[in-house]
Every structure is written in C-alpha cells, then in structure tokens.
Protein backbone atom coordinates (compact mmCIF):
# COMPACT_ATOMS: atom_id res chain seq x y z
CA MET A 1 -6.82 -12.42 3.54
CA ARG A 2 -3.40 -10.90 4.22
CA ILE A 3 -1.33 -9.44 1.72
CA LEU A 4 2.04 -7.87 1.91
CA HIS A 5 2.58 -4.72 -0.24
CA THR A 6 6.24 -3.77 -1.46
CA SER A 7 8.11 -2.55 -4.48
CA ASP A 8 11.04 -0.76 -5.81
CA TRP A 9 13.64 -3.46 -5.02
CA HIS A 10 16.24 -2.27 -7.38
CA LEU A 11 18.36 -5.60 -7.09
CA GLY A 12 22.20 -4.80 -8.43
CA GLN A 13 21.98 -1.13 -7.99
CA HIS A 14 25.31 0.36 -7.72
CA PHE A 15 25.49 3.69 -5.50
CA MET A 16 28.58 5.80 -6.35
CA GLY A 17 30.79 2.53 -6.95
CA ARG A 18 29.44 0.56 -4.05
CA THR A 19 27.25 -2.28 -4.47
CA ARG A 20 24.16 -2.92 -2.52
CA GLN A 21 24.13 -6.57 -2.76
CA ALA A 22 24.69 -6.89 1.09
CA GLU A 23 21.84 -4.82 1.81
CA HIS A 24 19.68 -6.53 -0.33
CA GLN A 25 20.33 -10.00 0.85
CA THR A 26 19.35 -8.81 4.87
CA PHE A 27 16.55 -7.33 3.17
CA VAL A 28 15.07 -10.60 1.62
CA HIS A 29 15.98 -12.48 4.72
CA TRP A 30 14.24 -9.96 6.79
CA LEU A 31 10.95 -9.74 4.76
CA ALA A 32 10.85 -13.79 4.55
CA GLN A 33 10.63 -13.37 8.37
CA GLN A 34 8.13 -10.77 8.31
CA VAL A 35 5.70 -12.89 6.11
CA ALA A 36 6.11 -15.69 8.15
CA ALA A 37 5.77 -13.96 11.79
CA HIS A 38 2.63 -12.36 10.39
CA ARG A 39 1.32 -15.28 8.49
CA VAL A 40 1.22 -13.38 5.44
CA ASP A 41 -1.04 -15.14 2.40
CA ALA A 42 0.63 -13.28 -0.92
CA VAL A 43 3.44 -10.91 -1.37
CA ILE A 44 3.19 -8.32 -4.15
CA VAL A 45 6.41 -6.45 -5.50
CA ALA A 46 4.79 -3.57 -7.28
CA GLY A 47 7.59 -3.20 -9.88
CA ASP A 48 11.23 -2.37 -10.35
CA VAL A 49 12.44 -5.62 -8.70
CA PHE A 50 15.77 -5.14 -10.74
CA ASP A 51 17.85 -1.97 -11.11
CA THR A 52 18.54 -2.27 -14.67
CA GLY A 53 17.26 -4.08 -17.85
CA ALA A 54 20.12 -6.52 -17.87
CA PRO A 55 20.68 -7.14 -14.15
CA PRO A 56 24.19 -8.85 -13.12
CA SER A 57 24.24 -12.25 -11.95
CA TYR A 58 24.17 -11.82 -8.74
CA ALA A 59 20.85 -9.60 -8.75
CA ARG A 60 19.15 -12.52 -10.83
CA GLU A 61 20.47 -15.10 -8.14
CA LEU A 62 19.39 -12.85 -5.21
CA TYR A 63 15.83 -12.40 -7.07
CA HIS A 64 15.44 -16.45 -6.93
CA GLN A 65 16.48 -16.97 -3.44
CA ALA A 66 13.66 -14.12 -2.61
CA VAL A 67 11.13 -16.31 -4.42
CA GLY A 68 12.40 -19.40 -2.35
CA ALA A 69 12.40 -17.46 1.13
CA ILE A 70 9.06 -16.41 0.67
CA ARG A 71 7.70 -20.11 -0.67
CA ASP A 72 8.98 -21.29 2.30
CA ALA A 73 7.83 -18.88 4.58
CA GLY A 74 4.23 -19.84 3.55
CA ALA A 75 2.91 -17.19 1.21
CA GLU A 76 2.66 -17.07 -2.64
CA LEU A 77 4.49 -13.99 -4.47
CA VAL A 78 3.31 -11.92 -7.45
CA VAL A 79 6.11 -9.38 -9.20
CA LEU A 80 5.35 -7.00 -11.43
CA GLY A 81 7.43 -5.38 -13.92
CA GLY A 82 8.60 -1.91 -13.49
CA ASN A 83 10.15 0.88 -15.71
CA HIS A 84 13.21 -0.66 -14.78
CA ASP A 85 12.60 -3.90 -15.49
CA SER A 86 13.03 -5.69 -18.74
CA ALA A 87 9.89 -7.70 -19.55
CA ALA A 88 12.07 -10.32 -21.81
CA VAL A 89 14.54 -11.09 -18.25
CA LEU A 90 11.26 -11.27 -15.97
CA ALA A 91 9.40 -13.88 -18.62
CA GLU A 92 12.52 -16.12 -19.08
CA SER A 93 11.81 -17.78 -15.84
CA ARG A 94 8.35 -17.26 -15.23
CA ALA A 95 7.16 -20.51 -16.53
CA LEU A 96 9.66 -22.02 -14.02
CA LEU A 97 8.82 -19.90 -11.14
CA VAL A 98 4.98 -20.51 -11.45
CA ARG A 99 5.74 -24.01 -10.15
CA VAL A 100 7.00 -22.57 -6.72
CA GLY A 101 4.25 -20.33 -6.23
CA CYS A 102 5.58 -16.90 -7.82
CA ARG A 103 3.43 -15.57 -10.61
CA VAL A 104 5.10 -12.84 -12.75
CA VAL A 105 3.59 -10.27 -14.96
CA PRO A 106 6.00 -8.66 -17.08
CA ALA A 107 4.01 -6.52 -19.08
CA ALA A 108 0.61 -5.90 -20.65
CA ALA A 109 -0.39 -9.43 -21.66
CA ALA A 110 -2.07 -9.86 -25.25
CA ASP A 111 -5.27 -11.20 -23.02
CA PRO A 112 -6.33 -9.25 -20.38
CA ALA A 113 -7.54 -12.30 -18.59
CA GLU A 114 -4.27 -13.50 -17.82
CA GLN A 115 -3.65 -10.33 -15.82
CA VAL A 116 -6.59 -11.28 -13.36
CA LEU A 117 -5.21 -13.48 -10.56
CA VAL A 118 -7.01 -15.34 -7.78
CA LEU A 119 -4.67 -14.90 -4.74
CA SER A 120 -5.24 -17.63 -2.26
CA ARG A 121 -4.97 -18.00 1.46
CA ARG A 122 -2.80 -20.33 3.17
CA GLY A 123 -5.14 -22.80 3.37
CA GLY A 124 -5.79 -23.04 -0.17
CA THR A 125 -8.74 -21.32 -0.21
CA PRO A 126 -9.40 -18.33 -2.33
CA GLY A 127 -8.95 -14.78 -0.89
CA ALA A 128 -8.91 -12.10 -3.37
CA VAL A 129 -8.63 -10.93 -6.72
CA LEU A 130 -5.79 -9.23 -8.22
CA CYS A 131 -5.95 -6.96 -11.41
CA ALA A 132 -1.94 -7.30 -11.80
CA VAL A 133 -1.14 -4.18 -13.55
CA PRO A 134 2.81 -3.79 -14.37
CA PHE A 135 4.24 -0.52 -15.86
CA LEU A 136 2.56 -0.02 -18.94
CA ARG A 137 4.49 1.59 -22.02
CA PRO A 138 2.69 3.17 -24.71
CA ARG A 139 3.22 0.50 -27.45
CA ASP A 140 1.64 -2.13 -24.99
CA LEU A 141 -1.64 -0.11 -25.01
CA ALA A 142 -1.17 0.34 -28.70
CA VAL A 143 -1.17 4.33 -28.17
CA GLN A 144 0.80 5.47 -31.43
CA SER A 145 1.83 9.29 -31.87
CA GLN A 146 -0.36 11.05 -34.65
CA ALA A 147 0.62 13.80 -37.03
CA GLY A 148 0.75 17.23 -35.52
CA GLN A 149 0.20 15.48 -32.07
CA GLY A 150 1.34 18.14 -29.39
CA ALA A 151 2.78 16.99 -25.52
CA ALA A 152 -0.48 17.33 -23.94
CA ASP A 153 -2.31 15.21 -26.80
CA LYS A 154 0.02 12.63 -26.38
CA GLN A 155 0.05 12.56 -22.36
CA LEU A 156 -4.08 12.67 -22.76
CA ALA A 157 -4.07 9.47 -25.14
CA LEU A 158 -1.75 7.67 -22.94
CA GLN A 159 -3.94 8.48 -19.77
CA GLU A 160 -7.09 7.44 -21.56
CA ALA A 161 -5.66 4.33 -22.74
CA ILE A 162 -3.98 3.36 -19.10
CA ARG A 163 -7.60 4.20 -17.53
CA ALA A 164 -9.01 2.01 -20.32
CA HIS A 165 -6.47 -0.87 -19.19
CA TYR A 166 -7.83 -0.80 -15.65
CA ASP A 167 -11.34 -0.58 -16.46
CA GLY A 168 -11.50 -3.45 -18.60
CA LEU A 169 -9.39 -5.54 -15.64
CA HIS A 170 -11.36 -4.56 -13.11
CA LEU A 171 -14.41 -5.33 -15.00
CA LEU A 172 -13.35 -9.09 -15.29
CA ALA A 173 -11.99 -9.00 -11.54
CA ARG A 174 -15.36 -8.06 -10.31
CA GLU A 175 -17.21 -11.03 -12.48
CA ARG A 176 -14.39 -13.19 -10.94
CA SER A 177 -14.92 -12.08 -7.62
CA ALA A 178 -18.78 -12.43 -7.73
CA ALA A 179 -18.44 -15.98 -8.85
CA LEU A 180 -16.17 -16.90 -5.57
CA GLY A 181 -18.62 -15.29 -3.31
CA GLY A 182 -17.44 -11.47 -3.08
CA LEU A 183 -13.80 -11.62 -2.81
CA PRO A 184 -12.15 -8.21 -2.18
CA VAL A 185 -10.41 -6.85 -5.11
CA VAL A 186 -6.81 -5.56 -5.37
CA ALA A 187 -5.02 -3.92 -8.18
CA THR A 188 -1.65 -3.09 -8.78
CA GLY A 189 0.36 -0.09 -10.76
CA HIS A 190 3.87 1.19 -11.37
CA LEU A 191 3.53 4.94 -12.43
CA THR A 192 3.46 8.71 -11.05
CA THR A 193 -0.04 9.98 -9.76
CA VAL A 194 -0.89 13.14 -9.38
CA GLY A 195 0.59 14.79 -5.73
CA ALA A 196 2.76 11.77 -5.45
CA SER A 197 6.26 12.97 -3.78
CA ARG A 198 9.59 11.73 -5.61
CA SER A 199 12.93 11.46 -4.80
CA GLU A 200 16.19 11.94 -7.20
CA ALA A 201 16.45 8.25 -7.61
CA VAL A 202 13.09 8.15 -9.23
CA ARG A 203 13.63 8.30 -13.28
CA GLU A 204 10.88 8.57 -15.47
CA ILE A 205 11.20 6.31 -18.60
CA TYR A 206 8.05 7.13 -20.58
CA VAL A 207 9.26 9.15 -23.62
CA GLY A 208 7.43 12.16 -24.44
CA ALA A 209 4.20 11.09 -22.43
CA LEU A 210 2.70 10.62 -19.18
CA GLU A 211 3.74 13.04 -16.46
CA ALA A 212 1.37 11.71 -13.72
CA PHE A 213 -1.85 9.69 -13.87
CA PRO A 214 -4.97 11.19 -12.08
CA THR A 215 -5.96 9.65 -9.03
CA ASP A 216 -9.50 9.47 -9.65
CA ALA A 217 -9.06 7.77 -13.06
CA PHE A 218 -7.95 4.25 -10.94
CA PRO A 219 -11.08 1.94 -10.52
CA ALA A 220 -12.90 1.42 -7.56
CA ALA A 221 -10.80 -1.58 -6.05
CA ASP A 222 -10.68 -2.27 -2.49
CA TYR A 223 -6.78 -1.53 -2.10
CA ILE A 224 -4.37 -0.19 -4.71
CA ALA A 225 -0.59 -1.36 -4.55
CA LEU A 226 1.43 1.01 -6.12
CA GLY A 227 5.39 1.37 -7.07
CA HIS A 228 7.82 3.49 -8.71
CA ILE A 229 7.60 6.34 -5.99
CA HIS A 230 10.26 5.29 -3.68
CA GLN A 231 8.95 7.12 -0.37
CA PRO A 232 6.10 5.32 1.18
CA GLN A 233 2.79 7.47 1.14
CA LYS A 234 -1.16 7.49 0.80
CA VAL A 235 -2.52 9.21 -2.77
CA GLY A 236 -4.50 12.22 -2.80
CA GLY A 237 -4.90 11.50 1.21
CA ARG A 238 -6.97 8.22 0.17
CA GLU A 239 -6.20 5.31 2.36
CA HIS A 240 -6.44 2.35 0.19
CA ILE A 241 -4.48 4.08 -2.96
CA ARG A 242 -0.58 3.70 -1.31
CA TYR A 243 3.07 3.53 -2.16
CA SER A 244 4.92 1.29 -0.25
CA GLY A 245 8.18 3.02 -1.19
CA SER A 246 11.56 1.34 -1.62
CA PRO A 247 12.92 -1.05 1.15
CA ILE A 248 16.45 0.82 1.02
CA PRO A 249 17.18 4.47 0.70
CA LEU A 250 18.36 4.86 -3.72
CA SER A 251 19.88 8.29 -3.37
CA PHE A 252 20.97 10.68 -0.48
CA ASP A 253 17.72 12.45 -0.45
CA GLU A 254 15.92 9.53 0.67
CA ALA A 255 18.54 8.81 3.34
CA ALA A 256 16.07 10.62 6.15
CA GLN A 257 13.35 8.58 4.98
CA ARG A 258 11.91 5.72 7.14
CA LYS A 259 11.27 2.84 4.90
CA GLU A 260 8.56 0.54 5.43
CA VAL A 261 6.79 -2.91 3.79
CA LEU A 262 2.97 -2.60 3.98
CA LEU A 263 0.32 -5.33 5.66
CA VAL A 264 -2.85 -5.03 4.04
CA ASP A 265 -5.73 -6.96 5.40
CA PHE A 266 -9.20 -7.65 4.16
CA ASP A 267 -12.60 -9.80 4.71
CA LEU A 268 -15.62 -10.08 2.51
CA ALA A 269 -16.61 -6.66 3.54
CA GLY A 270 -13.41 -5.52 1.51
CA LEU A 271 -10.35 -3.47 3.27
CA GLN A 272 -9.84 -3.83 7.23
CA ALA A 273 -6.22 -2.64 7.90
CA ILE A 274 -3.06 -1.31 6.80
CA THR A 275 -0.12 -1.50 9.03
CA PRO A 276 3.16 -0.62 7.89
CA LEU A 277 6.14 -2.40 9.17
CA PRO A 278 9.10 -0.21 9.21
CA VAL A 279 12.69 -1.68 7.20
CA PRO A 280 15.42 -1.53 9.42
CA ARG A 281 18.65 0.53 7.99
CA PHE A 282 20.66 -2.41 6.70
CA GLN A 283 23.68 0.38 5.81
CA PRO A 284 24.06 3.59 7.61
CA LEU A 285 23.58 6.49 4.88
CA ALA A 286 23.22 10.28 5.40
CA SER A 287 23.57 13.48 3.63
CA VAL A 288 25.60 16.48 5.41
CA ARG A 289 25.10 19.80 4.84
CA GLY A 290 27.04 22.58 6.50
CA ARG A 291 29.62 25.35 6.65
CA LEU A 292 33.08 24.13 6.44
CA ASP A 293 33.79 25.07 10.38
CA ASP A 294 30.83 23.36 11.33
CA LEU A 295 31.30 19.84 9.27
CA PRO A 296 33.64 18.18 11.93
CA ALA A 297 30.91 18.07 14.18
CA LEU A 298 28.51 17.02 11.85
CA LEU A 299 30.51 14.43 10.00
CA ALA A 300 31.27 12.78 13.83
CA ARG A 301 27.30 13.04 14.22
CA ALA A 302 26.46 11.48 11.01
CA ALA A 303 29.29 8.37 11.82
CA HIS A 304 28.13 7.69 15.04
CA ALA A 305 26.16 5.15 14.88
CA ALA A 306 28.35 3.17 12.28
CA SER A 307 31.45 0.54 12.60
CA ALA A 308 34.55 -0.08 11.06
CA ALA A 309 33.00 -3.11 9.36
CA GLN A 310 30.44 -1.13 8.26
CA PRO A 311 31.41 2.53 7.81
CA ALA A 312 28.42 5.44 7.04
CA TRP A 313 28.11 6.29 3.48
CA LEU A 314 28.15 9.89 3.33
CA GLU A 315 27.17 13.13 0.95
CA VAL A 316 28.65 16.39 2.35
CA GLU A 317 27.20 19.79 0.69
CA VAL A 318 29.06 22.82 1.75
CA VAL A 319 27.65 25.58 2.42
CA ALA A 320 30.05 28.69 1.40
CA ASP A 321 29.95 31.84 -0.92
CA ASP A 322 33.45 31.56 -1.71
CA TYR A 323 35.15 29.03 -4.31
CA LEU A 324 37.35 26.35 -2.53
CA SER A 325 39.70 24.41 -4.83
CA ASP A 326 40.73 21.73 -2.19
CA LEU A 327 37.12 21.29 -1.17
CA GLN A 328 37.72 17.86 -1.87
CA PRO A 329 40.63 16.92 0.09
CA ARG A 330 39.59 19.03 3.49
CA VAL A 331 36.63 17.03 3.79
CA ALA A 332 38.32 13.97 3.55
CA ARG A 333 41.25 15.13 6.24
CA MET A 334 37.76 15.95 8.22
CA ALA A 335 36.43 12.63 7.88
CA GLU A 336 39.99 10.79 8.97
CA GLY A 337 39.62 8.46 12.06
CA LEU A 338 35.56 8.11 11.29
CA HIS A 339 33.31 5.17 10.52
CA ALA A 340 32.65 6.78 7.59
CA GLU A 341 33.43 6.82 3.84
CA VAL A 342 32.73 10.39 1.96
CA LEU A 343 30.80 9.07 -1.13
CA ARG A 344 30.45 12.61 -2.41
CA VAL A 345 31.27 16.57 -1.81
CA ARG A 346 29.50 19.28 -3.24
CA ARG A 347 29.34 23.25 -3.18
CA ALA A 348 25.65 24.18 -2.32
CA ARG A 349 24.93 26.90 -5.14
CA GLY A 350 22.22 29.09 -5.15
CA THR A 351 20.17 27.84 -8.11
CA ALA A 352 20.01 24.38 -6.41
CA ALA A 353 17.08 25.62 -4.27
CA ALA A 354 15.37 27.03 -7.63
CA ALA A 355 16.15 23.88 -9.29
CA THR A 356 14.24 21.84 -6.52
CA ALA A 357 11.15 24.30 -6.31
CA ALA A 358 11.06 23.99 -10.14
CA GLY A 359 10.65 19.97 -9.73
CA THR A 360 14.24 18.90 -11.31
CA VAL A 361 15.39 15.84 -10.98
CA ARG A 362 19.15 15.95 -10.52
CA GLU A 363 21.28 12.69 -11.26
CA THR A 364 24.75 13.13 -11.81
CA LEU A 365 27.40 10.79 -13.51
CA ASP A 366 28.91 9.62 -10.13
CA GLU A 367 25.56 7.87 -9.24
CA LEU A 368 25.34 5.58 -12.41
CA ASP A 369 27.40 2.78 -13.28
CA PRO A 370 28.06 2.23 -16.95
CA SER A 371 25.27 0.29 -17.98
CA GLN A 372 23.03 2.66 -16.22
CA VAL A 373 24.08 5.48 -18.35
CA PHE A 374 23.89 3.09 -21.35
CA GLU A 375 20.49 2.40 -20.28
CA ARG A 376 19.19 6.11 -19.86
CA ARG A 377 20.30 6.75 -23.45
CA LEU A 378 18.17 3.74 -24.81
CA ALA A 379 15.32 5.26 -22.88
CA ALA A 380 15.35 7.99 -25.00
CA GLU A 381 14.70 5.80 -28.15
CA ASP A 382 11.12 4.11 -28.42
CA LEU A 383 12.63 0.58 -29.28
CA ASP A 384 11.21 -2.55 -29.46
CA GLU A 385 11.74 -4.73 -26.12
CA ALA A 386 13.51 -7.60 -27.83
CA LEU A 387 16.18 -5.13 -29.20
CA ARG A 388 16.42 -3.08 -25.99
CA THR A 389 17.40 -6.37 -24.08
CA ARG A 390 19.65 -7.43 -26.69
CA LEU A 391 21.36 -4.11 -26.58
CA LEU A 392 21.67 -4.37 -22.98
CA ALA A 393 22.98 -7.33 -22.72
CA LEU A 394 25.61 -6.79 -25.33
CA HIS A 395 26.62 -3.61 -23.72
CA ARG A 396 26.76 -5.62 -20.29
CA ALA A 397 29.18 -8.35 -21.56
CA VAL A 398 31.29 -5.41 -23.03
CA VAL A 399 31.55 -3.88 -19.66
CA ASP A 400 32.27 -7.22 -17.89
CA ASP A 401 34.95 -7.98 -20.50
CA VAL A 402 36.73 -4.53 -19.69
CA ARG A 403 36.33 -5.24 -16.04
CA ALA A 404 37.82 -8.83 -16.24
CA GLY A 405 40.88 -7.18 -18.44
CA GLU A 406 41.77 -4.46 -15.68
CA GLY A 407 41.64 -7.24 -13.03
CA ALA A 408 43.95 -9.28 -15.21
CA PRO A 409 47.55 -9.27 -14.39
C-alpha cells in the first residue's frame, strides 16, 4: 500500500496583493504526475485545502480539478478539514465527490465509525485502515468552559478530549484491521504538537485553548499524517509521525524551506519506508536582509533565477541604526532593471530578535486580503459553524461588490 501525504494547500491565498492561482494550478498538475509515476494508491490532504472559510470561486474550481486529476492518475483521495477550512463549504460537495473516489471529512462526525475509512489499493483490495481526524474544535468534542476554569484547565480539558477522540477511533480501526487480515492503521491530524517548528503563516484558531498536543498522546498507529505546520518535519524525532508541510511557501520566512510531499509505503508488517518528494518552486520568492550599501548585490542575486515573465517576489529588511524616511523609494530604485517585485520593505529593529525568541508570530495587514482580516476577527468568537460560514459568505459578497464597483467605468 502506498500513500501520498500532503497538507496545507491554502487554495485561494492572496499574498500581499498577489494571487497564488498559477502556482497552485501548476502544483496540482505536478502532484497528479507524481501520483501516476509512483503508482500511489491513496492521497491524504491533512487539512487546510483552502486558505479561508469563504474561498473564491477559482479556488473551489481548482479544488475540484485536483479531485479529478488525482482520480485520473489512479488514486483515491481523502480530504480532511483544517482550521482555515469551513466545514460547511467542504461538506457541500461531499456526497458528489465520493462518487469520483474522493472522501471528505470536514469535521468530527456524530458517529465515530464514519471517520474510520478503509483505503484500497489500485486493484481494489483493502490496503490500510484510516482514522480520518480533521481539525477538532472544542464544540466538536462537546468541551465546554466551566465557571472559574483557568486557561491551563481549558487546555488540559481539550487535550484530554482530543486524546479520547483518537483512542476511540484507533480502537475501531484496529477492530476493522483485524477483520481484514491485519492491515496497517494510519491516522491523521490537523494541530500543533509539542516541539513542532512554526512559521509566521501558521495562524492558530483555537480560542483560549490548545497550544500543543503532546506527542505521546497520539495512538499507536503505524503512521500519523499531520497538517497545520508548514515546514516538513518529524515530530519528536519519531519517524512515523510527520508533518508534510505546505507545498508552496506561504510567507517570506518559508522562502528558504524545501517543500515536499511524502510517499509512505506499508505492508502487512506495518510501515516500510517514507520517501520525500521535493516540490519544485513555482514562483521565485526570497527574503533579503542587509545594509543599504549591500542591497544592490543582494537584490541582484535574489532575482538571478527569475525572468521578466515570472519576476521574483522579494521582502527587503534593511539593517540600519538611523531612521530613513525615504527607505521605500530607495529600495525601489535599487530593484529597477531586475526581474523582481519588492512586495515589502521593512527596517530591522532591535526588538525583532526578542519577539522571535519569545515565539511571537507576526502578521501584518499587507499580508492579508479583506476577507482574511474579517476571518481573523471571527476567529476570536466561538460562533456556530453555520453562522460563521454565512457571515463569511456575506462579507465575501460585499467585498466582491466593492471590487466590481471599483472596476466599473
């Protein structure tokens, strides 16, 4: 049995006013090629298929194109809801997509058995049993705040509820595995675990709750396919617990990361091999840091591999002690004639290192579109999913009307 583990596509992301549509289209095409070339049996997307709960129409179209491309490449597809995904949006096409070999688990099911799936080999025979665990919100697990409960108590209560959810699914999966001759058991998850390395594009939407799930609280599955952290990594040094990471850099601090998807091979004895497949860079992206005198050479080096058709997107951080009011135009003049677009210029500050050391995740308005700003605000409220989805859809309609008016003669 061969599984391809990927996550955090974030279809529909706008990056400082730039769309990622072309990158995502190229990635989907590349991914389907890998599925066919490596004869993958099943593809798992471990959450955050979309960047917002109300994705634009082209992102939904691309999602459906991905379902078809993976099906045509000969594999079945399992999509798990992430913290950026709307469970209602993912659920709306679930009944249709299952007819073309795609199973969608938007949120925790009322009947846990619905989250225990049998994955098939290309020939149609059972190959593995999957505990399909999406992003888990406190209300999904009936976790309620109690009077006088502190933050640490709330976190512990949610951790215990998530652990119990995993344990219940794992028990069902082992029973199903035994009935099918001892198939390997795979689990998924979309959360932060202890020791995982984050980037500034990773945004938590647990409200006053989980900070990091203990690694030893996961069940004894043969492989655990995780999403939410964008940098590919093992968890706690354990070979079988992995984040695949995002396929494209979603922030400038991810620009230097090697992006990958994971081929995971099993037989009846369990996990046999994990093979990373590096994802090509579809859009040149770089963060440049230096003194003003050094920037011309640094900018030229960063733009060297780019082209006029596909200029490099750059962040420039200027290291200087004095205040320069004309910093932005100075850097713009330095970039003239290069195959580059400077998307952000900022001045290095002495407090930046301290903030990073303290684990502060920085996010600025120039990295977000209006819908993302609105979604961050909704994330601060523990809203019913249907109401949250409706508010996001209404806000999206208002934004679209405003943009249409701006483009009108």
